[in-house]
Amino acid sequence: FGHTRFTLGPILLSPSEPLVAGGAAEALEQQIQQLLRAGHSHLVVDLSEVSAIDSVGIRALVRGHSSAQRVNASLRLAAPHANVSEMLTVTRL
């Protein structure tokens, strides 16, 4: 599933495969939850290498965002491909 870079500011998550059922979506969701539980308050998901996303990937992002809000943290999305961006727009994310 890509890599994570720890910095003094936001933590950048960079999945490098489609965020779909049976793939990286579940791993991303788990990683977001672990980082939030560890007290990290600013997460950025770089979607530049994600070529596709399905309902499981969307769910991972929504749950991550909801969890972040509950602990006064932030989860931001960055640089989605056109088809991923379209899916996010259709689902109003």
C-alpha atoms as a PDB file:
ATOM      1  CA  PHE A   1       0.000   0.000   0.000  1.00  0.00           C
ATOM      2  CA  GLY A   2       2.270   3.070  -0.641  1.00  0.00           C
ATOM      3  CA  HIS A   3       4.104   4.820   2.130  1.00  0.00           C
ATOM      4  CA  THR A   4       3.693   7.216   5.025  1.00  0.00           C
ATOM      5  CA  ARG A   5       6.005  10.114   5.714  1.00  0.00           C
ATOM      6  CA  PHE A   6       6.165  11.489   9.248  1.00  0.00           C
ATOM      7  CA  THR A   7       6.936  15.190   9.498  1.00  0.00           C
ATOM      8  CA  LEU A   8       6.574  17.918  12.102  1.00  0.00           C
ATOM      9  CA  GLY A   9       3.435  19.115  10.327  1.00  0.00           C
ATOM     10  CA  PRO A  10       0.763  17.057   8.620  1.00  0.00           C
ATOM     11  CA  ILE A  11       1.256  13.341   8.061  1.00  0.00           C
ATOM     12  CA  LEU A  12       1.161  12.484   4.376  1.00  0.00           C
ATOM     13  CA  LEU A  13      -0.404   9.167   3.388  1.00  0.00           C
ATOM     14  CA  SER A  14       0.354   8.157  -0.204  1.00  0.00           C
ATOM     15  CA  PRO A  15      -1.571   5.098  -1.357  1.00  0.00           C
ATOM     16  CA  SER A  16      -0.155   3.811  -4.638  1.00  0.00           C
ATOM     17  CA  GLU A  17      -2.860   1.453  -5.833  1.00  0.00           C
ATOM     18  CA  PRO A  18      -6.630   1.622  -6.434  1.00  0.00           C
ATOM     19  CA  LEU A  19      -8.700   2.188  -3.300  1.00  0.00           C
ATOM     20  CA  VAL A  20     -11.101  -0.668  -3.906  1.00  0.00           C
ATOM     21  CA  ALA A  21     -12.634  -3.618  -2.052  1.00  0.00           C
ATOM     22  CA  GLY A  22     -10.093  -6.322  -1.330  1.00  0.00           C
ATOM     23  CA  GLY A  23      -7.270  -3.877  -1.964  1.00  0.00           C
ATOM     24  CA  ALA A  24      -5.713  -0.830  -0.413  1.00  0.00           C
ATOM     25  CA  ALA A  25      -8.988   0.710   0.801  1.00  0.00           C
ATOM     26  CA  GLU A  26      -9.131  -1.378   3.962  1.00  0.00           C
ATOM     27  CA  ALA A  27      -5.438  -0.816   4.675  1.00  0.00           C
ATOM     28  CA  LEU A  28      -5.845   2.945   4.262  1.00  0.00           C
ATOM     29  CA  GLU A  29      -8.826   3.010   6.606  1.00  0.00           C
ATOM     30  CA  GLN A  30      -6.899   1.069   9.259  1.00  0.00           C
ATOM     31  CA  GLN A  31      -3.867   3.320   8.908  1.00  0.00           C
ATOM     32  CA  ILE A  32      -5.955   6.484   9.266  1.00  0.00           C
ATOM     33  CA  GLN A  33      -7.612   5.096  12.406  1.00  0.00           C
ATOM     34  CA  GLN A  34      -4.254   4.081  13.917  1.00  0.00           C
ATOM     35  CA  LEU A  35      -2.742   7.513  13.290  1.00  0.00           C
ATOM     36  CA  LEU A  36      -5.736   9.278  14.821  1.00  0.00           C
ATOM     37  CA  ARG A  37      -5.618   6.981  17.881  1.00  0.00           C
ATOM     38  CA  ALA A  38      -1.914   7.796  18.211  1.00  0.00           C
ATOM     39  CA  GLY A  39      -2.836  11.485  18.510  1.00  0.00           C
ATOM     40  CA  HIS A  40      -1.908  12.793  15.080  1.00  0.00           C
ATOM     41  CA  SER A  41      -4.185  15.682  14.249  1.00  0.00           C
ATOM     42  CA  HIS A  42      -3.388  16.631  10.644  1.00  0.00           C
ATOM     43  CA  LEU A  43      -3.545  13.929   7.977  1.00  0.00           C
ATOM     44  CA  VAL A  44      -3.301  14.439   4.215  1.00  0.00           C
ATOM     45  CA  VAL A  45      -4.120  11.663   1.746  1.00  0.00           C
ATOM     46  CA  ASP A  46      -2.204  12.179  -1.509  1.00  0.00           C
ATOM     47  CA  LEU A  47      -4.371  10.549  -4.176  1.00  0.00           C
ATOM     48  CA  SER A  48      -2.032  11.292  -7.101  1.00  0.00           C
ATOM     49  CA  GLU A  49      -1.111   7.608  -7.560  1.00  0.00           C
ATOM     50  CA  VAL A  50      -4.628   6.246  -7.011  1.00  0.00           C
ATOM     51  CA  SER A  51      -6.090   5.330 -10.398  1.00  0.00           C
ATOM     52  CA  ALA A  52      -9.529   4.168  -9.184  1.00  0.00           C
ATOM     53  CA  ILE A  53     -11.812   4.262  -6.171  1.00  0.00           C
ATOM     54  CA  ASP A  54     -14.999   2.346  -5.377  1.00  0.00           C
ATOM     55  CA  SER A  55     -17.575   2.453  -2.588  1.00  0.00           C
ATOM     56  CA  VAL A  56     -15.165   0.766  -0.153  1.00  0.00           C
ATOM     57  CA  GLY A  57     -12.524   3.414  -0.875  1.00  0.00           C
ATOM     58  CA  ILE A  58     -15.087   6.177  -0.472  1.00  0.00           C
ATOM     59  CA  ARG A  59     -16.191   4.593   2.821  1.00  0.00           C
ATOM     60  CA  ALA A  60     -12.584   4.568   4.065  1.00  0.00           C
ATOM     61  CA  LEU A  61     -12.248   8.290   3.351  1.00  0.00           C
ATOM     62  CA  VAL A  62     -15.635   9.145   4.876  1.00  0.00           C
ATOM     63  CA  ARG A  63     -14.931   7.123   8.024  1.00  0.00           C
ATOM     64  CA  GLY A  64     -11.492   8.678   8.290  1.00  0.00           C
ATOM     65  CA  HIS A  65     -12.949  12.162   7.967  1.00  0.00           C
ATOM     66  CA  SER A  66     -15.676  11.423  10.542  1.00  0.00           C
ATOM     67  CA  SER A  67     -13.161   9.951  12.972  1.00  0.00           C
ATOM     68  CA  ALA A  68     -10.883  12.953  12.535  1.00  0.00           C
ATOM     69  CA  GLN A  69     -13.722  15.355  13.251  1.00  0.00           C
ATOM     70  CA  ARG A  70     -14.633  13.463  16.440  1.00  0.00           C
ATOM     71  CA  VAL A  71     -11.137  14.065  17.848  1.00  0.00           C
ATOM     72  CA  ASN A  72     -10.779  17.642  16.520  1.00  0.00           C
ATOM     73  CA  ALA A  73      -8.323  16.527  13.845  1.00  0.00           C
ATOM     74  CA  SER A  74      -8.319  17.066  10.097  1.00  0.00           C
ATOM     75  CA  LEU A  75      -8.192  14.737   7.109  1.00  0.00           C
ATOM     76  CA  ARG A  76      -7.558  16.367   3.734  1.00  0.00           C
ATOM     77  CA  LEU A  77      -7.451  14.903   0.237  1.00  0.00           C
ATOM     78  CA  ALA A  78      -4.875  16.058  -2.293  1.00  0.00           C
ATOM     79  CA  ALA A  79      -4.155  15.657  -6.013  1.00  0.00           C
ATOM     80  CA  PRO A  80      -6.774  13.120  -7.138  1.00  0.00           C
ATOM     81  CA  HIS A  81      -6.698  11.824 -10.723  1.00  0.00           C
ATOM     82  CA  ALA A  82      -9.570  13.017 -12.927  1.00  0.00           C
ATOM     83  CA  ASN A  83     -11.575   9.780 -12.618  1.00  0.00           C
ATOM     84  CA  VAL A  84     -11.078   9.664  -8.832  1.00  0.00           C
ATOM     85  CA  SER A  85     -11.988  13.345  -8.608  1.00  0.00           C
ATOM     86  CA  GLU A  86     -15.148  12.682 -10.621  1.00  0.00           C
ATOM     87  CA  MET A  87     -16.168   9.871  -8.262  1.00  0.00           C
ATOM     88  CA  LEU A  88     -15.549  12.118  -5.246  1.00  0.00           C
ATOM     89  CA  THR A  89     -17.669  14.844  -6.867  1.00  0.00           C
ATOM     90  CA  VAL A  90     -20.507  12.436  -7.675  1.00  0.00           C
ATOM     91  CA  THR A  91     -20.551  11.297  -4.041  1.00  0.00           C
ATOM     92  CA  ARG A  92     -20.306  14.930  -2.871  1.00  0.00           C
ATOM     93  CA  LEU A  93     -16.962  14.593  -1.097  1.00  0.00           C
END
